[in-house]
């Protein structure tokens, strides 16, 4: 899991709880008490969190926040000299392949 990042959360990047529930950042209130600086929506309910994304004062709650990783597919050309080049589409991978490629446009799913 990707660690919680307050600036990314404030920018609207998706959040997830330790136990896999989607979470939506609502507000950051720096003046609030330590245990309720973040306001987050989870399953149609409002929850408050520490500024570091922890639900309680220590890490380990199923509700702790993380940045949701996004999956995407890239297409990789593999070359006999051990090099590889990734592309955003299979057609781009095929168009840029050279004769030294032994595998062209191999789809690979990655997390960002």
C-alpha atoms as a PDB file:
ATOM      1  CA  UNK A   1       0.000   0.000   0.000  1.00  0.00           C
ATOM      2  CA  UNK A   2       1.186   3.482  -0.802  1.00  0.00           C
ATOM      3  CA  UNK A   3       1.584   5.625   2.354  1.00  0.00           C
ATOM      4  CA  UNK A   4      -0.888   8.431   3.022  1.00  0.00           C
ATOM      5  CA  UNK A   5       0.193  11.806   1.631  1.00  0.00           C
ATOM      6  CA  UNK A   6      -1.731  14.849   2.856  1.00  0.00           C
ATOM      7  CA  UNK A   7      -0.837  17.066  -0.111  1.00  0.00           C
ATOM      8  CA  UNK A   8      -1.909  14.409  -2.628  1.00  0.00           C
ATOM      9  CA  UNK A   9      -5.151  13.843  -0.682  1.00  0.00           C
ATOM     10  CA  UNK A  10      -5.873  17.581  -0.703  1.00  0.00           C
ATOM     11  CA  UNK A  11      -5.224  17.593  -4.467  1.00  0.00           C
ATOM     12  CA  UNK A  12      -7.984  15.012  -4.905  1.00  0.00           C
ATOM     13  CA  UNK A  13      -5.980  11.820  -5.378  1.00  0.00           C
ATOM     14  CA  UNK A  14      -8.026   8.750  -4.367  1.00  0.00           C
ATOM     15  CA  UNK A  15      -7.735   7.272  -0.873  1.00  0.00           C
ATOM     16  CA  UNK A  16      -8.318   3.800   0.489  1.00  0.00           C
ATOM     17  CA  UNK A  17      -8.447   2.366   4.004  1.00  0.00           C
ATOM     18  CA  UNK A  18      -6.192  -0.416   5.231  1.00  0.00           C
ATOM     19  CA  UNK A  19      -9.128  -2.833   4.898  1.00  0.00           C
ATOM     20  CA  UNK A  20      -9.853  -1.800   1.284  1.00  0.00           C
ATOM     21  CA  UNK A  21     -12.734   0.678   1.552  1.00  0.00           C
ATOM     22  CA  UNK A  22     -12.712   3.713  -0.732  1.00  0.00           C
ATOM     23  CA  UNK A  23     -12.360   6.985   1.155  1.00  0.00           C
ATOM     24  CA  UNK A  24     -12.952  10.569   0.043  1.00  0.00           C
ATOM     25  CA  UNK A  25     -10.991  13.501   1.476  1.00  0.00           C
ATOM     26  CA  UNK A  26     -13.334  16.251   2.664  1.00  0.00           C
ATOM     27  CA  UNK A  27     -11.190  18.736   4.610  1.00  0.00           C
ATOM     28  CA  UNK A  28      -7.961  19.381   6.474  1.00  0.00           C
ATOM     29  CA  UNK A  29      -8.370  21.476   9.623  1.00  0.00           C
ATOM     30  CA  UNK A  30      -4.850  22.186  10.964  1.00  0.00           C
ATOM     31  CA  UNK A  31      -6.221  24.119  13.967  1.00  0.00           C
ATOM     32  CA  UNK A  32      -8.251  21.126  15.206  1.00  0.00           C
ATOM     33  CA  UNK A  33      -7.151  18.739  17.933  1.00  0.00           C
ATOM     34  CA  UNK A  34      -4.564  16.155  16.844  1.00  0.00           C
ATOM     35  CA  UNK A  35      -7.066  13.318  16.507  1.00  0.00           C
ATOM     36  CA  UNK A  36      -9.436  15.190  14.188  1.00  0.00           C
ATOM     37  CA  UNK A  37      -7.415  17.264  11.721  1.00  0.00           C
ATOM     38  CA  UNK A  38      -8.683  15.298   8.704  1.00  0.00           C
ATOM     39  CA  UNK A  39     -12.318  14.865   7.752  1.00  0.00           C
ATOM     40  CA  UNK A  40     -12.993  11.932   5.436  1.00  0.00           C
ATOM     41  CA  UNK A  41     -16.070  10.236   3.956  1.00  0.00           C
ATOM     42  CA  UNK A  42     -16.137   6.418   4.070  1.00  0.00           C
ATOM     43  CA  UNK A  43     -19.241   4.375   3.237  1.00  0.00           C
ATOM     44  CA  UNK A  44     -21.505   7.452   3.474  1.00  0.00           C
ATOM     45  CA  UNK A  45     -20.213   8.230   6.996  1.00  0.00           C
ATOM     46  CA  UNK A  46     -17.932  11.028   8.166  1.00  0.00           C
ATOM     47  CA  UNK A  47     -14.758  10.040  10.050  1.00  0.00           C
ATOM     48  CA  UNK A  48     -11.987  12.111  11.597  1.00  0.00           C
ATOM     49  CA  UNK A  49      -8.298  11.208  11.426  1.00  0.00           C
ATOM     50  CA  UNK A  50      -4.916  12.339  12.621  1.00  0.00           C
ATOM     51  CA  UNK A  51      -3.023  14.488  10.104  1.00  0.00           C
ATOM     52  CA  UNK A  52      -0.816  11.503   9.191  1.00  0.00           C
ATOM     53  CA  UNK A  53      -3.839   9.441   8.094  1.00  0.00           C
ATOM     54  CA  UNK A  54      -3.988   7.252  11.197  1.00  0.00           C
ATOM     55  CA  UNK A  55      -7.442   6.620  12.621  1.00  0.00           C
ATOM     56  CA  UNK A  56      -6.127   6.202  16.156  1.00  0.00           C
ATOM     57  CA  UNK A  57      -2.986   7.519  17.837  1.00  0.00           C
ATOM     58  CA  UNK A  58      -0.909   4.616  16.541  1.00  0.00           C
ATOM     59  CA  UNK A  59      -0.686   2.793  13.237  1.00  0.00           C
ATOM     60  CA  UNK A  60      -2.576  -0.457  12.898  1.00  0.00           C
ATOM     61  CA  UNK A  61      -6.282   0.339  12.567  1.00  0.00           C
ATOM     62  CA  UNK A  62      -8.231  -1.126   9.634  1.00  0.00           C
ATOM     63  CA  UNK A  63      -9.417   2.433   8.993  1.00  0.00           C
ATOM     64  CA  UNK A  64      -5.925   3.954   8.540  1.00  0.00           C
ATOM     65  CA  UNK A  65      -5.671   5.873   5.269  1.00  0.00           C
ATOM     66  CA  UNK A  66      -3.446   5.134   2.291  1.00  0.00           C
ATOM     67  CA  UNK A  67      -3.172   6.522  -1.220  1.00  0.00           C
ATOM     68  CA  UNK A  68      -5.063   4.305  -3.636  1.00  0.00           C
ATOM     69  CA  UNK A  69      -2.794   2.922  -6.299  1.00  0.00           C
ATOM     70  CA  UNK A  70      -4.002   3.110  -9.863  1.00  0.00           C
ATOM     71  CA  UNK A  71      -3.330   0.275 -12.300  1.00  0.00           C
ATOM     72  CA  UNK A  72      -2.517   0.821 -15.946  1.00  0.00           C
ATOM     73  CA  UNK A  73      -1.218  -1.267 -18.803  1.00  0.00           C
ATOM     74  CA  UNK A  74       2.019  -0.470 -20.608  1.00  0.00           C
ATOM     75  CA  UNK A  75       3.397  -2.281 -23.644  1.00  0.00           C
ATOM     76  CA  UNK A  76       7.022  -3.352 -23.547  1.00  0.00           C
ATOM     77  CA  UNK A  77       9.476  -4.231 -26.304  1.00  0.00           C
ATOM     78  CA  UNK A  78      12.262  -6.565 -25.161  1.00  0.00           C
ATOM     79  CA  UNK A  79      15.643  -6.591 -26.898  1.00  0.00           C
ATOM     80  CA  UNK A  80      18.357  -9.234 -27.180  1.00  0.00           C
ATOM     81  CA  UNK A  81      20.926  -6.989 -25.431  1.00  0.00           C
ATOM     82  CA  UNK A  82      18.764  -6.942 -22.271  1.00  0.00           C
ATOM     83  CA  UNK A  83      17.257  -3.519 -22.862  1.00  0.00           C
ATOM     84  CA  UNK A  84      13.539  -2.842 -22.844  1.00  0.00           C
ATOM     85  CA  UNK A  85      11.339   0.091 -23.802  1.00  0.00           C
ATOM     86  CA  UNK A  86       7.800   0.715 -22.563  1.00  0.00           C
ATOM     87  CA  UNK A  87       5.019   2.426 -24.512  1.00  0.00           C
ATOM     88  CA  UNK A  88       1.539   3.670 -23.688  1.00  0.00           C
ATOM     89  CA  UNK A  89      -0.086   1.714 -26.513  1.00  0.00           C
ATOM     90  CA  UNK A  90       0.528  -1.524 -28.368  1.00  0.00           C
ATOM     91  CA  UNK A  91       0.501   0.302 -31.696  1.00  0.00           C
ATOM     92  CA  UNK A  92       3.274   2.666 -30.523  1.00  0.00           C
ATOM     93  CA  UNK A  93       5.297  -0.311 -29.299  1.00  0.00           C
ATOM     94  CA  UNK A  94       4.942  -2.121 -32.636  1.00  0.00           C
ATOM     95  CA  UNK A  95       5.799   1.028 -34.617  1.00  0.00           C
ATOM     96  CA  UNK A  96       9.003   1.687 -32.665  1.00  0.00           C
ATOM     97  CA  UNK A  97      10.319  -1.890 -32.487  1.00  0.00           C
ATOM     98  CA  UNK A  98      13.620  -2.623 -34.205  1.00  0.00           C
ATOM     99  CA  UNK A  99      14.868  -5.881 -35.695  1.00  0.00           C
ATOM    100  CA  UNK A 100      16.758  -6.580 -32.452  1.00  0.00           C
ATOM    101  CA  UNK A 101      13.475  -6.966 -30.531  1.00  0.00           C
ATOM    102  CA  UNK A 102      12.628 -10.534 -29.564  1.00  0.00           C
ATOM    103  CA  UNK A 103       9.296  -9.623 -27.965  1.00  0.00           C
ATOM    104  CA  UNK A 104       7.089  -6.760 -29.116  1.00  0.00           C
ATOM    105  CA  UNK A 105       4.199  -5.038 -27.359  1.00  0.00           C
ATOM    106  CA  UNK A 106       4.136  -7.315 -24.329  1.00  0.00           C
ATOM    107  CA  UNK A 107       1.318  -6.006 -22.098  1.00  0.00           C
ATOM    108  CA  UNK A 108       2.299  -5.425 -18.449  1.00  0.00           C
ATOM    109  CA  UNK A 109      -0.007  -4.106 -15.758  1.00  0.00           C
ATOM    110  CA  UNK A 110       1.688  -1.690 -13.351  1.00  0.00           C
ATOM    111  CA  UNK A 111       0.593   0.282 -10.303  1.00  0.00           C
ATOM    112  CA  UNK A 112       1.244   3.982  -9.978  1.00  0.00           C
END
